[in-house]
Amino acid sequence: MKTKTNINLIILLLPVFIILASCEQQKSEWQGTIEEVNGVTVVKNPKEPMYGENVFSLEEELTIGEADGKEEYMFSRIKSISVDEKERIYVLDYGEGHIKIFNKKGDYIQTVGEKGQGPGEMIAPVTMVISNQNEIVVHDRTNRRLNFYSLDGAFIKSLSTAEVSLVDFNINSKGNIIGQLVKREKKEQFFELCKFDSDFNLLLIYGSFPYPFERQTSKAFESTLCWTVSKDDNIVYGYPDKEYEFRVFNSQGKILRKINKKYNPLKIPKDIKNKIREQTEEIQGGIKLEIPKYYPPYNWFSLDDEDRIFVQAWEETEDGRGYYYDVFDSEGKYIAKVKLKYFLRVWKKRKLYVVERDEDGYQIVKRYKVTWNIG
């Protein structure tokens, strides 16, 4: 009887042993190094991640958007999406000049703003942020201002950006505006990453970076500034010119960490080069086009709500519908390589919100449950 009980116990526990063994097999010891250099933590990562495949999965939960149906669920040209603490979904429609708000279940709540130049109106809204101060903040590029609304849609104020060329912005937990600008001095142009107060007065310049456009030689796949703000107000930025490296500095501009990874440069295929030449030869206007041999080390990155850094590589997935992403933990260790077909996205409470296109090319918003199979 006792023997039979032991056998039954082993049978019941066997799946658990298999799962634990599987997790152990797909994880390897991190092969990188961490050292302090002149007060800065330098994290050097190997080419291969700590975890193998199948550590990251998505499960579709919700779809918002209709090609034919109620107007409240139709979109013209989605430019930005945001999610608040109640998991309400905000969709910025560039084509219509307004924001549509949906509840957690995907039900339409209301529309905020409209086309125009008056108070609270928008002409070319390109970026939207939900701040920790419970405000919807929208960058209207044509009106050259930031519009502020309450979460129930009431217009609060506008801040003029007419004195600067604002490219992108975010807002930290203190209500400071982090802005990427284009600056010109004499014949030189460059990006500048700055911090402003809530009235858009300059507080700090984090740094200046090359601005690769508007010159006599046009270079395809030019590196450009990538940056974002972490939940503890650190700035993560990178300029992927020659090295696979990005940096983390605090809200006062002090560099805390340098993170790099070994990688094999990815060649630009001949057919891609030919396609670029065909598309640009009619619009170059005498500007010489240069196409490098290799892609830049990476293209873009974002943070999830646990400060994992998702770095988009130039390597496409096998079906050509997405890209591979290198994932680093909050310390900068290279933990996984995953596939994602989405570019415009938001991470919130272990959910991924994205803008996709249906089979007819119509824009829709989807929400996925995110699962990490990490021991």
Protein backbone atom coordinates (compact mmCIF):
# COMPACT_ATOMS: atom_id res chain seq x y z
CA MET A 1 0.00 0.00 0.00
CA LYS A 2 2.82 2.33 0.93
CA THR A 3 4.66 1.44 -2.28
CA LYS A 4 1.56 2.18 -4.34
CA THR A 5 1.18 5.57 -2.62
CA ASN A 6 4.81 6.46 -3.37
CA ILE A 7 4.35 5.51 -7.04
CA ASN A 8 1.24 7.67 -7.30
CA LEU A 9 3.09 10.58 -5.70
CA ILE A 10 5.95 10.22 -8.19
CA ILE A 11 3.46 10.19 -11.09
CA LEU A 12 1.77 13.34 -9.78
CA LEU A 13 5.07 15.17 -9.32
CA LEU A 14 6.63 14.02 -12.60
CA PRO A 15 5.18 16.90 -14.70
CA VAL A 16 6.55 19.38 -12.17
CA PHE A 17 10.01 17.80 -12.42
CA ILE A 18 9.81 17.97 -16.23
CA ILE A 19 8.84 21.66 -16.18
CA LEU A 20 11.63 22.51 -13.74
CA ALA A 21 14.14 20.57 -15.79
CA SER A 22 12.98 22.30 -18.96
CA CYS A 23 13.38 25.75 -17.38
CA GLU A 24 16.83 24.78 -16.13
CA GLN A 25 17.87 23.55 -19.57
CA GLN A 26 16.84 26.72 -21.37
CA LYS A 27 18.68 28.95 -18.88
CA SER A 28 22.44 29.29 -18.91
CA GLU A 29 24.81 31.24 -16.72
CA TRP A 30 25.23 34.81 -17.87
CA GLN A 31 28.59 35.06 -19.64
CA GLY A 32 29.06 38.82 -19.42
CA THR A 33 30.96 41.06 -17.04
CA ILE A 34 30.13 44.03 -14.81
CA GLU A 35 32.80 46.45 -13.66
CA GLU A 36 33.15 49.99 -12.34
CA VAL A 37 35.07 52.42 -14.56
CA ASN A 38 35.49 55.99 -13.28
CA GLY A 39 32.33 55.72 -11.22
CA VAL A 40 30.25 54.29 -14.07
CA THR A 41 28.94 50.71 -14.12
CA VAL A 42 29.94 49.05 -17.40
CA VAL A 43 27.93 45.98 -18.42
CA LYS A 44 29.47 43.90 -21.20
CA ASN A 45 27.18 41.27 -22.73
CA PRO A 46 27.99 38.25 -24.90
CA LYS A 47 26.35 37.56 -28.26
CA GLU A 48 23.98 34.94 -26.85
CA PRO A 49 21.23 35.66 -24.29
CA MET A 50 20.90 34.06 -20.88
CA TYR A 51 17.68 32.25 -21.84
CA GLY A 52 16.84 30.23 -24.91
CA GLU A 53 13.64 30.19 -26.93
CA ASN A 54 10.10 30.04 -25.58
CA VAL A 55 10.76 32.24 -22.53
CA PHE A 56 8.35 34.90 -23.78
CA SER A 57 4.81 34.47 -25.07
CA LEU A 58 1.77 36.57 -25.96
CA GLU A 59 -1.91 35.70 -25.69
CA GLU A 60 -4.42 37.91 -27.53
CA GLU A 61 -7.10 39.36 -25.22
CA LEU A 62 -8.77 42.30 -26.94
CA THR A 63 -9.29 43.94 -30.35
CA ILE A 64 -10.59 47.49 -30.93
CA GLY A 65 -11.34 48.77 -34.41
CA GLU A 66 -13.77 48.24 -37.28
CA ALA A 67 -13.39 48.94 -40.99
CA ASP A 68 -17.17 49.06 -41.37
CA GLY A 69 -19.32 49.64 -38.32
CA LYS A 70 -19.88 52.22 -35.62
CA GLU A 71 -17.93 55.43 -36.11
CA GLU A 72 -16.74 55.33 -32.49
CA TYR A 73 -14.66 52.24 -33.32
CA MET A 74 -13.23 53.48 -36.62
CA PHE A 75 -9.75 55.00 -36.98
CA SER A 76 -8.24 57.12 -39.71
CA ARG A 77 -4.50 57.19 -38.94
CA ILE A 78 -3.36 56.12 -35.49
CA LYS A 79 -0.21 57.93 -34.43
CA SER A 80 0.08 57.09 -30.72
CA ILE A 81 -1.57 54.99 -28.00
CA SER A 82 -1.47 55.23 -24.19
CA VAL A 83 -2.94 53.36 -21.21
CA ASP A 84 -3.73 54.73 -17.76
CA GLU A 85 -3.71 53.05 -14.33
CA LYS A 86 -7.34 51.93 -14.74
CA GLU A 87 -6.28 50.30 -18.03
CA ARG A 88 -8.36 52.67 -20.11
CA ILE A 89 -6.99 52.89 -23.64
CA TYR A 90 -6.32 56.21 -25.39
CA VAL A 91 -5.92 56.27 -29.17
CA LEU A 92 -4.48 59.39 -30.85
CA ASP A 93 -5.82 59.73 -34.39
CA TYR A 94 -3.59 61.96 -36.50
CA GLY A 95 -6.00 61.93 -39.42
CA GLU A 96 -8.98 63.12 -37.37
CA GLY A 97 -7.14 65.34 -34.89
CA HIS A 98 -8.65 63.77 -31.80
CA ILE A 99 -8.28 61.11 -29.09
CA LYS A 100 -10.70 58.22 -28.59
CA ILE A 101 -10.92 56.69 -25.12
CA PHE A 102 -11.98 53.09 -24.42
CA ASN A 103 -12.45 51.24 -21.15
CA LYS A 104 -10.64 48.08 -20.07
CA LYS A 105 -13.18 45.92 -21.93
CA GLY A 106 -12.71 47.89 -25.16
CA ASP A 107 -16.00 49.80 -24.93
CA TYR A 108 -15.98 53.33 -26.34
CA ILE A 109 -16.18 56.08 -23.69
CA GLN A 110 -15.65 59.42 -25.43
CA THR A 111 -13.72 61.50 -27.98
CA VAL A 112 -11.39 64.33 -26.91
CA GLY A 113 -10.43 67.25 -29.15
CA GLU A 114 -11.05 68.03 -32.81
CA LYS A 115 -9.35 69.49 -35.88
CA GLY A 116 -8.48 73.16 -35.62
CA GLN A 117 -6.31 75.87 -34.14
CA GLY A 118 -8.51 76.91 -31.22
CA PRO A 119 -8.05 76.00 -27.55
CA GLY A 120 -7.86 72.23 -27.15
CA GLU A 121 -7.96 71.66 -30.92
CA MET A 122 -5.27 69.87 -32.95
CA ILE A 123 -4.08 69.82 -36.55
CA ALA A 124 -1.15 67.39 -36.60
CA PRO A 125 -1.02 65.49 -33.26
CA VAL A 126 1.97 63.14 -33.37
CA THR A 127 2.74 61.98 -29.81
CA MET A 128 0.67 61.39 -26.68
CA VAL A 129 1.61 60.63 -23.06
CA ILE A 130 -0.48 59.87 -19.96
CA SER A 131 1.41 61.58 -17.14
CA ASN A 132 1.68 60.62 -13.47
CA GLN A 133 -0.27 63.83 -12.84
CA ASN A 134 -3.28 62.17 -14.53
CA GLU A 135 -3.16 64.34 -17.61
CA ILE A 136 -3.30 63.53 -21.31
CA VAL A 137 -0.51 65.44 -23.03
CA VAL A 138 -0.38 65.69 -26.83
CA HIS A 139 2.28 67.20 -29.09
CA ASP A 140 0.59 69.07 -31.97
CA ARG A 141 3.40 69.61 -34.43
CA THR A 142 1.60 72.02 -36.78
CA ASN A 143 0.18 74.24 -34.02
CA ARG A 144 3.58 73.96 -32.31
CA ARG A 145 2.30 73.30 -28.84
CA LEU A 146 1.63 70.72 -26.16
CA ASN A 147 -2.05 70.33 -25.27
CA PHE A 148 -2.99 69.17 -21.76
CA TYR A 149 -6.32 67.48 -20.96
CA SER A 150 -7.72 65.81 -17.85
CA LEU A 151 -8.41 62.07 -18.06
CA ASP A 152 -12.12 62.84 -18.47
CA GLY A 153 -11.35 64.92 -21.55
CA ALA A 154 -11.51 68.49 -20.23
CA PHE A 155 -9.00 70.86 -21.86
CA ILE A 156 -6.56 72.32 -19.29
CA LYS A 157 -3.90 74.36 -21.10
CA SER A 158 -1.43 74.60 -23.97
CA LEU A 159 2.32 75.17 -23.83
CA SER A 160 3.93 76.74 -26.88
CA THR A 161 6.86 74.96 -28.51
CA ALA A 162 7.30 77.72 -31.13
CA GLU A 163 10.78 78.61 -29.87
CA VAL A 164 12.12 75.08 -30.35
CA SER A 165 11.91 72.33 -32.96
CA LEU A 166 10.40 69.58 -30.81
CA VAL A 167 10.77 66.09 -32.30
CA ASP A 168 9.57 63.90 -29.45
CA PHE A 169 8.76 64.18 -25.75
CA ASN A 170 7.93 62.30 -22.57
CA ILE A 171 7.02 63.29 -19.01
CA ASN A 172 8.70 61.94 -15.90
CA SER A 173 7.09 61.21 -12.52
CA LYS A 174 7.77 64.77 -11.29
CA GLY A 175 5.92 66.35 -14.20
CA ASN A 176 9.12 67.46 -15.95
CA ILE A 177 9.01 67.39 -19.75
CA ILE A 178 11.82 65.47 -21.43
CA GLY A 179 12.16 66.72 -24.99
CA GLN A 180 14.20 65.82 -28.05
CA LEU A 181 14.90 68.94 -30.11
CA VAL A 182 16.59 69.76 -33.39
CA LYS A 183 19.03 72.63 -32.94
CA ARG A 184 20.97 74.64 -35.52
CA GLU A 185 24.20 76.53 -34.92
CA LYS A 186 25.85 78.15 -37.92
CA LYS A 187 25.78 75.38 -40.56
CA GLU A 188 25.55 72.50 -38.12
CA GLN A 189 22.38 70.71 -37.03
CA PHE A 190 22.13 68.32 -34.10
CA PHE A 191 19.70 66.66 -31.72
CA GLU A 192 19.54 67.92 -28.17
CA LEU A 193 17.94 65.97 -25.32
CA CYS A 194 16.67 68.32 -22.61
CA LYS A 195 14.61 68.52 -19.43
CA PHE A 196 12.01 71.26 -18.94
CA ASP A 197 9.76 72.14 -16.04
CA SER A 198 5.96 71.86 -16.27
CA ASP A 199 5.81 75.34 -17.87
CA PHE A 200 8.38 74.37 -20.51
CA ASN A 201 11.27 76.33 -19.04
CA LEU A 202 14.65 74.71 -19.73
CA LEU A 203 16.21 72.98 -16.69
CA LEU A 204 18.92 70.74 -18.09
CA ILE A 205 20.58 69.64 -21.32
CA TYR A 206 21.39 65.94 -21.13
CA GLY A 207 23.49 65.91 -24.29
CA SER A 208 23.84 66.65 -27.99
CA PHE A 209 23.86 64.08 -30.77
CA PRO A 210 24.44 64.16 -34.55
CA TYR A 211 21.46 65.08 -36.70
CA PRO A 212 22.06 63.12 -39.91
CA PHE A 213 19.58 64.79 -42.26
CA GLU A 214 19.36 67.82 -44.55
CA ARG A 215 22.78 67.67 -46.13
CA GLN A 216 24.19 67.16 -49.61
CA THR A 217 24.83 63.46 -49.07
CA SER A 218 21.92 61.27 -47.98
CA LYS A 219 22.83 58.05 -46.20
CA ALA A 220 20.33 55.20 -46.07
CA PHE A 221 19.84 53.48 -42.70
CA GLU A 222 21.38 56.41 -40.89
CA SER A 223 21.74 56.01 -37.15
CA THR A 224 19.54 58.28 -35.06
CA LEU A 225 18.98 58.98 -31.39
CA CYS A 226 16.96 56.40 -29.42
CA TRP A 227 15.77 57.27 -25.92
CA THR A 228 13.09 56.68 -23.31
CA VAL A 229 12.32 57.38 -19.63
CA SER A 230 12.28 54.65 -16.98
CA LYS A 231 9.76 54.46 -14.13
CA ASP A 232 12.36 55.86 -11.69
CA ASP A 233 13.04 58.82 -14.03
CA ASN A 234 16.34 57.57 -15.40
CA ILE A 235 16.99 58.28 -19.09
CA VAL A 236 17.96 55.36 -21.32
CA TYR A 237 19.51 56.52 -24.57
CA GLY A 238 21.61 55.24 -27.41
CA TYR A 239 23.10 56.46 -30.66
CA PRO A 240 23.82 53.24 -32.61
CA ASP A 241 26.46 54.58 -34.94
CA LYS A 242 29.30 52.07 -34.73
CA GLU A 243 28.92 50.16 -31.48
CA TYR A 244 26.07 48.20 -29.92
CA GLU A 245 25.88 50.35 -26.82
CA PHE A 246 23.33 52.38 -24.91
CA ARG A 247 23.55 54.29 -21.65
CA VAL A 248 21.52 55.06 -18.56
CA PHE A 249 21.80 58.34 -16.70
CA ASN A 250 19.81 59.81 -13.85
CA SER A 251 17.43 62.76 -13.99
CA GLN A 252 20.30 65.15 -13.22
CA GLY A 253 22.38 64.01 -16.17
CA LYS A 254 24.92 61.81 -14.37
CA ILE A 255 25.81 58.64 -16.28
CA LEU A 256 25.03 55.57 -14.20
CA ARG A 257 25.56 52.68 -16.56
CA LYS A 258 26.94 51.77 -19.99
CA ILE A 259 25.48 48.64 -21.56
CA ASN A 260 26.96 46.99 -24.62
CA LYS A 261 26.69 43.68 -26.43
CA LYS A 262 28.87 41.75 -28.83
CA TYR A 263 27.17 41.28 -32.17
CA ASN A 264 27.77 40.27 -35.77
CA PRO A 265 27.11 43.19 -38.16
CA LEU A 266 24.19 42.41 -40.45
CA LYS A 267 24.75 42.97 -44.18
CA ILE A 268 22.17 44.93 -46.13
CA PRO A 269 20.90 42.61 -48.90
CA LYS A 270 21.47 43.61 -52.51
CA ASP A 271 17.75 43.57 -53.33
CA ILE A 272 17.08 46.02 -50.48
CA LYS A 273 19.79 48.35 -51.81
CA ASN A 274 18.31 48.23 -55.31
CA LYS A 275 14.83 48.92 -54.01
CA ILE A 276 16.04 51.97 -52.07
CA ARG A 277 17.82 53.34 -55.14
CA GLU A 278 14.69 52.91 -57.26
CA GLN A 279 12.50 54.64 -54.69
CA THR A 280 14.81 57.58 -54.12
CA GLU A 281 16.34 58.41 -57.51
CA GLU A 282 13.28 60.48 -58.55
CA ILE A 283 13.13 62.53 -55.34
CA GLN A 284 16.78 63.06 -54.46
CA GLY A 285 17.08 66.38 -56.29
CA GLY A 286 20.81 66.12 -56.85
CA ILE A 287 21.58 64.82 -53.37
CA LYS A 288 23.99 61.90 -53.46
CA LEU A 289 22.69 58.68 -51.94
CA GLU A 290 25.02 56.48 -49.91
CA ILE A 291 24.05 52.96 -48.81
CA PRO A 292 26.37 51.36 -46.25
CA LYS A 293 27.45 47.73 -46.31
CA TYR A 294 25.91 46.94 -42.93
CA TYR A 295 22.85 47.95 -40.96
CA PRO A 296 23.45 49.99 -37.78
CA PRO A 297 23.83 47.88 -34.59
CA TYR A 298 20.16 48.43 -33.72
CA ASN A 299 17.20 50.55 -34.75
CA TRP A 300 15.02 51.48 -31.77
CA PHE A 301 14.17 50.49 -28.21
CA SER A 302 11.48 50.70 -25.53
CA LEU A 303 10.96 49.78 -21.86
CA ASP A 304 8.26 47.55 -20.43
CA ASP A 305 6.70 48.29 -17.03
CA GLU A 306 9.40 46.27 -15.26
CA ASP A 307 12.17 48.29 -16.96
CA ARG A 308 13.22 45.51 -19.31
CA ILE A 309 14.81 47.09 -22.36
CA PHE A 310 13.56 45.81 -25.73
CA VAL A 311 16.10 46.66 -28.43
CA GLN A 312 14.91 46.25 -32.01
CA ALA A 313 17.52 44.67 -34.24
CA TRP A 314 17.43 44.98 -38.04
CA GLU A 315 17.05 41.22 -38.39
CA GLU A 316 13.61 40.34 -39.77
CA THR A 317 11.63 37.31 -38.65
CA GLU A 318 11.37 34.35 -40.99
CA ASP A 319 7.92 35.36 -42.26
CA GLY A 320 9.05 38.93 -42.94
CA ARG A 321 6.28 40.36 -40.74
CA GLY A 322 8.34 41.41 -37.74
CA TYR A 323 11.78 41.83 -36.20
CA TYR A 324 13.92 40.22 -33.55
CA TYR A 325 14.35 42.11 -30.30
CA ASP A 326 17.20 41.76 -27.81
CA VAL A 327 15.84 42.00 -24.27
CA PHE A 328 17.93 43.26 -21.35
CA ASP A 329 16.90 43.24 -17.69
CA SER A 330 16.94 46.39 -15.57
CA GLU A 331 20.61 45.78 -14.70
CA GLY A 332 21.58 45.60 -18.37
CA LYS A 333 22.08 41.84 -18.66
CA TYR A 334 21.13 40.31 -22.03
CA ILE A 335 18.40 37.82 -21.09
CA ALA A 336 16.42 36.92 -24.22
CA LYS A 337 15.92 37.27 -27.95
CA VAL A 338 12.24 37.49 -28.94
CA LYS A 339 10.12 38.07 -32.04
CA LEU A 340 7.69 40.99 -32.32
CA LYS A 341 5.84 42.29 -35.36
CA TYR A 342 4.65 45.44 -33.66
CA PHE A 343 6.35 48.83 -33.58
CA LEU A 344 3.81 51.22 -32.06
CA ARG A 345 3.14 49.72 -28.63
CA VAL A 346 2.66 50.28 -24.89
CA TRP A 347 3.52 47.98 -21.97
CA LYS A 348 1.20 48.20 -18.96
CA LYS A 349 0.61 45.79 -16.05
CA ARG A 350 2.09 42.84 -17.92
CA LYS A 351 -0.04 43.58 -20.96
CA LEU A 352 1.14 44.64 -24.41
CA TYR A 353 -0.96 47.14 -26.37
CA VAL A 354 -0.17 47.46 -30.06
CA VAL A 355 -1.41 48.92 -33.33
CA GLU A 356 -1.74 46.33 -36.07
CA ARG A 357 -3.34 46.12 -39.49
CA ASP A 358 -6.02 43.64 -40.39
CA GLU A 359 -5.99 41.63 -43.62
CA ASP A 360 -7.40 44.64 -45.50
CA GLY A 361 -4.72 46.98 -44.14
CA TYR A 362 -7.07 48.73 -41.68
CA GLN A 363 -5.54 49.89 -38.39
CA ILE A 364 -6.74 48.19 -35.21
CA VAL A 365 -5.64 48.20 -31.56
CA LYS A 366 -4.94 44.91 -29.79
CA ARG A 367 -4.08 43.89 -26.25
CA TYR A 368 -2.00 40.82 -25.39
CA LYS A 369 -1.29 39.12 -22.09
CA VAL A 370 2.49 38.85 -21.59
CA THR A 371 4.02 35.74 -20.00
CA TRP A 372 7.68 35.29 -19.08
CA ASN A 373 8.75 31.68 -18.50
CA ILE A 374 11.74 32.63 -16.41
CA GLY A 375 12.63 30.76 -13.22
